[in-house]
Amino acid sequence: MQSRRELLAAAGMAAIAALARPVKNAFGSAAQPKTPVDFDVPANACDCHVHIIGDGRRFPFAASRVYTPETASVAELRLLHRTLHIDRVVVVQSTVYGADNACTLDAIKQIGPSARGIAVLSDTTSNAELDEMHRGGIRGVRIHFEALKTFDPELVRKSFRAAAERIRGRKWHLEVVAADWREVEALREEVAVSEAPVSFDLGVLTLSAVDPQVSRRCRVCSRAARRMSTSRDRITI
């Protein structure tokens, strides 16, 4: 029978061995579908909202992030889309990278012509950088209101107008990440006259009180639409 000291020593050696293994073993692969697709998927079907999370050594996370995700690679996405018979994809900039769009642009480049992307801009993003992003496949920008600690309609409108001005003259769209339906209501007039298409992403957006004109100007991303599909009074695709 091993002594207590021998058991502790063995446990310590096992822990050291585990730490010595490659970091990639600490993370599982992205989940893949288990049920085969048994219907005809339309040609050019598009996954309109995915995030790619690359190697942290090559694409460092923003210090301001509120969580740290596992890797989600282009290879795993390709396998998923092959299983689901999806031909096209929109790669959306994840909040964990802030306004550093390098990982998103790299993913679009890897995937090729069937991919487009949505970027996040900072106050210092130049027009030259916007041009470069366009050449790299970016076709829209995200506006985040989730970071607001309290509802501020003036700040919401100011942020929307600033983003709309940044992409004026480009064939891009605005993706609004709203955490509160009042943020959408505050944008009633801005959305109605927007030159760029507008989509609302991820929010709990019960919009029965919002002007129908706003609804007609909007396109809701797939995840939000699935949540809203049970109510006639909510936006649908």
Protein backbone atom coordinates (compact mmCIF):
# COMPACT_ATOMS: atom_id res chain seq x y z
CA MET A 1 0.00 0.00 0.00
CA GLN A 2 1.31 3.45 -0.90
CA SER A 3 1.97 5.93 1.86
CA ARG A 4 0.25 9.34 1.98
CA ARG A 5 3.54 10.97 0.91
CA GLU A 6 3.83 8.63 -2.08
CA LEU A 7 0.23 9.36 -3.13
CA LEU A 8 0.80 13.13 -2.95
CA ALA A 9 4.01 12.80 -4.95
CA ALA A 10 2.25 10.76 -7.64
CA ALA A 11 -0.56 13.31 -7.84
CA GLY A 12 1.95 16.13 -8.18
CA MET A 13 3.76 14.36 -11.02
CA ALA A 14 0.43 13.78 -12.81
CA ALA A 15 -0.42 17.46 -12.53
CA ILE A 16 2.97 18.46 -13.94
CA ALA A 17 2.52 16.05 -16.84
CA ALA A 18 -0.91 17.52 -17.59
CA LEU A 19 0.48 21.05 -17.67
CA ALA A 20 3.24 19.93 -20.00
CA ARG A 21 0.74 18.75 -22.64
CA PRO A 22 0.03 21.08 -25.60
CA VAL A 23 -2.51 23.78 -24.76
CA LYS A 24 -4.79 22.70 -27.62
CA ASN A 25 -5.67 19.55 -25.67
CA ALA A 26 -7.30 21.70 -23.00
CA PHE A 27 -10.09 22.65 -25.39
CA GLY A 28 -12.65 20.48 -27.10
CA SER A 29 -13.56 20.73 -30.75
CA ALA A 30 -16.60 22.73 -31.72
CA ALA A 31 -19.81 20.70 -31.59
CA GLN A 32 -20.95 19.23 -34.89
CA PRO A 33 -24.52 18.22 -35.95
CA LYS A 34 -25.56 14.70 -35.02
CA THR A 35 -28.73 14.54 -37.12
CA PRO A 36 -28.30 14.31 -40.92
CA VAL A 37 -30.01 16.94 -43.06
CA ASP A 38 -32.90 15.08 -44.70
CA PHE A 39 -34.32 17.87 -46.88
CA ASP A 40 -33.14 19.85 -49.87
CA VAL A 41 -31.25 22.93 -48.74
CA PRO A 42 -31.60 25.80 -51.24
CA ALA A 43 -28.56 26.56 -53.36
CA ASN A 44 -26.38 29.34 -51.97
CA ALA A 45 -27.84 28.97 -48.49
CA CYS A 46 -26.12 31.43 -46.16
CA ASP A 47 -25.18 31.27 -42.49
CA CYS A 48 -25.68 34.94 -41.65
CA HIS A 49 -23.94 35.11 -38.28
CA VAL A 50 -20.85 33.21 -37.11
CA HIS A 51 -17.81 34.09 -35.00
CA ILE A 52 -14.33 32.74 -35.66
CA ILE A 53 -12.01 32.57 -32.65
CA GLY A 54 -8.42 32.07 -33.74
CA ASP A 55 -5.15 31.13 -32.09
CA GLY A 56 -4.70 33.50 -29.14
CA ARG A 57 -0.99 33.83 -29.83
CA ARG A 58 -1.69 35.16 -33.32
CA PHE A 59 -4.92 37.02 -32.57
CA PRO A 60 -4.76 38.32 -28.98
CA PHE A 61 -7.98 39.07 -27.15
CA ALA A 62 -8.92 42.59 -26.07
CA ALA A 63 -8.09 43.34 -22.44
CA SER A 64 -11.60 44.79 -22.03
CA ARG A 65 -13.38 41.53 -22.95
CA VAL A 66 -15.90 40.14 -20.47
CA TYR A 67 -15.28 36.47 -21.28
CA THR A 68 -12.66 34.24 -22.92
CA PRO A 69 -14.01 31.77 -25.48
CA GLU A 70 -12.49 28.56 -26.74
CA THR A 71 -11.05 28.35 -30.22
CA ALA A 72 -13.58 28.13 -33.07
CA SER A 73 -11.63 27.58 -36.28
CA VAL A 74 -12.37 27.96 -39.97
CA ALA A 75 -11.75 24.22 -40.39
CA GLU A 76 -14.49 23.44 -37.87
CA LEU A 77 -16.83 25.90 -39.57
CA ARG A 78 -16.21 24.27 -42.95
CA LEU A 79 -17.07 20.86 -41.52
CA LEU A 80 -20.26 22.25 -39.98
CA HIS A 81 -21.35 23.91 -43.20
CA ARG A 82 -20.53 20.86 -45.28
CA THR A 83 -22.78 18.81 -42.98
CA LEU A 84 -25.59 21.36 -43.16
CA HIS A 85 -25.21 21.98 -46.92
CA ILE A 86 -24.53 25.69 -46.43
CA ASP A 87 -22.61 27.48 -49.19
CA ARG A 88 -22.10 31.03 -47.93
CA VAL A 89 -21.30 32.70 -44.63
CA VAL A 90 -21.11 36.06 -42.86
CA VAL A 91 -18.27 36.20 -40.32
CA VAL A 92 -19.15 38.68 -37.58
CA GLN A 93 -16.50 40.38 -35.45
CA SER A 94 -16.60 39.01 -31.89
CA THR A 95 -16.58 41.39 -28.94
CA VAL A 96 -13.56 39.56 -27.49
CA TYR A 97 -11.37 41.22 -30.15
CA GLY A 98 -12.67 44.76 -29.70
CA ALA A 99 -11.99 46.80 -32.84
CA ASP A 100 -9.08 44.62 -33.97
CA ASN A 101 -10.65 42.89 -36.98
CA ALA A 102 -7.58 40.84 -37.94
CA CYS A 103 -9.09 37.47 -37.02
CA THR A 104 -12.33 38.17 -38.90
CA LEU A 105 -10.45 39.33 -42.00
CA ASP A 106 -8.19 36.29 -41.85
CA ALA A 107 -11.21 33.98 -41.66
CA ILE A 108 -12.81 35.62 -44.71
CA LYS A 109 -9.55 35.22 -46.61
CA GLN A 110 -9.32 31.54 -45.67
CA ILE A 111 -12.92 30.81 -46.68
CA GLY A 112 -12.73 32.73 -49.94
CA PRO A 113 -15.35 34.39 -52.19
CA SER A 114 -18.30 32.74 -50.43
CA ALA A 115 -17.61 34.73 -47.23
CA ARG A 116 -18.28 38.31 -46.19
CA GLY A 117 -17.79 40.00 -42.85
CA ILE A 118 -19.06 42.51 -40.30
CA ALA A 119 -16.45 44.66 -38.54
CA VAL A 120 -16.26 46.78 -35.40
CA LEU A 121 -14.82 50.28 -35.76
CA SER A 122 -13.04 52.52 -33.28
CA ASP A 123 -12.90 56.30 -33.17
CA THR A 124 -9.48 56.13 -34.83
CA THR A 125 -10.37 53.82 -37.75
CA SER A 126 -9.31 55.67 -40.90
CA ASN A 127 -10.99 55.78 -44.31
CA ALA A 128 -7.96 53.98 -45.72
CA GLU A 129 -8.57 51.17 -43.24
CA LEU A 130 -12.23 51.03 -44.29
CA ASP A 131 -11.11 50.71 -47.91
CA GLU A 132 -8.77 47.89 -46.95
CA MET A 133 -11.54 46.15 -45.00
CA HIS A 134 -13.83 46.38 -48.03
CA ARG A 135 -11.18 44.73 -50.19
CA GLY A 136 -10.93 42.06 -47.50
CA GLY A 137 -14.66 41.26 -47.67
CA ILE A 138 -16.16 43.49 -44.95
CA ARG A 139 -19.66 44.71 -45.82
CA GLY A 140 -21.00 46.15 -42.57
CA VAL A 141 -20.26 47.42 -39.08
CA ARG A 142 -21.54 46.46 -35.64
CA ILE A 143 -22.81 49.05 -33.16
CA HIS A 144 -22.83 47.80 -29.57
CA PHE A 145 -25.27 49.18 -27.01
CA GLU A 146 -24.83 46.25 -24.62
CA ALA A 147 -21.98 48.08 -22.87
CA LEU A 148 -24.25 50.94 -21.81
CA LYS A 149 -24.85 50.73 -18.05
CA THR A 150 -28.10 52.68 -18.30
CA PHE A 151 -30.47 53.43 -21.15
CA ASP A 152 -29.47 56.70 -22.80
CA PRO A 153 -31.53 57.47 -25.94
CA GLU A 154 -29.36 60.42 -26.96
CA LEU A 155 -26.19 58.33 -26.79
CA VAL A 156 -27.90 55.55 -28.75
CA ARG A 157 -28.90 57.95 -31.52
CA LYS A 158 -25.49 59.64 -31.53
CA SER A 159 -23.68 56.29 -31.88
CA PHE A 160 -25.98 55.20 -34.71
CA ARG A 161 -25.57 58.46 -36.63
CA ALA A 162 -21.79 58.36 -36.21
CA ALA A 163 -21.59 54.81 -37.60
CA ALA A 164 -23.94 55.66 -40.46
CA GLU A 165 -21.76 58.61 -41.38
CA ARG A 166 -18.61 56.47 -41.33
CA ILE A 167 -19.99 54.10 -43.97
CA ARG A 168 -21.76 56.71 -46.09
CA GLY A 169 -21.25 56.00 -49.79
CA ARG A 170 -20.26 52.37 -49.18
CA LYS A 171 -22.47 49.40 -49.95
CA TRP A 172 -22.36 48.33 -46.32
CA HIS A 173 -25.01 47.81 -43.68
CA LEU A 174 -25.39 48.62 -39.98
CA GLU A 175 -25.79 45.84 -37.44
CA VAL A 176 -27.18 47.06 -34.12
CA VAL A 177 -26.53 44.96 -31.01
CA ALA A 178 -29.35 46.09 -28.74
CA ALA A 179 -29.96 44.86 -25.21
CA ASP A 180 -33.20 46.77 -24.69
CA TRP A 181 -36.19 47.29 -27.01
CA ARG A 182 -36.14 50.99 -25.99
CA GLU A 183 -32.87 51.35 -27.87
CA VAL A 184 -34.64 50.29 -31.04
CA GLU A 185 -37.54 52.61 -30.29
CA ALA A 186 -35.03 55.47 -29.83
CA LEU A 187 -33.74 54.80 -33.34
CA ARG A 188 -37.19 54.99 -34.98
CA GLU A 189 -36.42 58.05 -37.09
CA GLU A 190 -32.78 57.17 -37.76
CA VAL A 191 -33.64 53.71 -39.10
CA ALA A 192 -36.55 55.01 -41.17
CA VAL A 193 -34.31 57.40 -43.12
CA SER A 194 -31.11 55.34 -43.09
CA GLU A 195 -29.39 55.06 -46.46
CA ALA A 196 -27.83 51.79 -45.32
CA PRO A 197 -29.80 48.61 -44.50
CA VAL A 198 -30.12 47.97 -40.76
CA SER A 199 -30.21 44.70 -38.83
CA PHE A 200 -30.84 44.10 -35.12
CA ASP A 201 -28.76 41.41 -33.47
CA LEU A 202 -29.05 39.36 -30.29
CA GLY A 203 -31.34 41.64 -28.30
CA VAL A 204 -34.62 40.88 -26.61
CA LEU A 205 -36.53 43.01 -29.08
CA THR A 206 -40.27 42.96 -28.54
CA LEU A 207 -41.23 45.56 -31.12
CA SER A 208 -45.01 45.64 -31.21
CA ALA A 209 -44.86 49.30 -30.14
CA VAL A 210 -42.32 50.27 -32.78
CA ASP A 211 -43.48 52.01 -35.94
CA PRO A 212 -44.04 49.50 -38.81
CA GLN A 213 -41.87 51.71 -41.01
CA VAL A 214 -38.93 50.83 -38.77
CA SER A 215 -39.75 47.15 -39.10
CA ARG A 216 -39.79 47.34 -42.88
CA ARG A 217 -36.33 48.91 -42.88
CA CYS A 218 -34.84 46.18 -40.73
CA ARG A 219 -33.55 42.71 -41.36
CA VAL A 220 -33.20 40.58 -38.25
CA CYS A 221 -30.33 38.11 -37.90
CA SER A 222 -31.13 34.41 -37.66
CA ARG A 223 -30.62 33.98 -33.94
CA ALA A 224 -32.88 36.90 -33.04
CA ALA A 225 -35.48 35.73 -35.54
CA ARG A 226 -35.63 32.25 -34.04
CA ARG A 227 -36.37 33.76 -30.64
CA MET A 228 -39.08 35.97 -32.09
CA SER A 229 -40.80 33.42 -34.32
CA THR A 230 -43.50 32.56 -31.76
CA SER A 231 -45.12 36.00 -31.69
CA ARG A 232 -47.02 37.81 -34.46
CA ASP A 233 -46.18 41.11 -32.79
CA ARG A 234 -42.44 40.63 -33.18
CA ILE A 235 -40.17 41.16 -36.12
CA THR A 236 -39.70 38.17 -38.39
CA ILE A 237 -37.53 37.65 -41.44
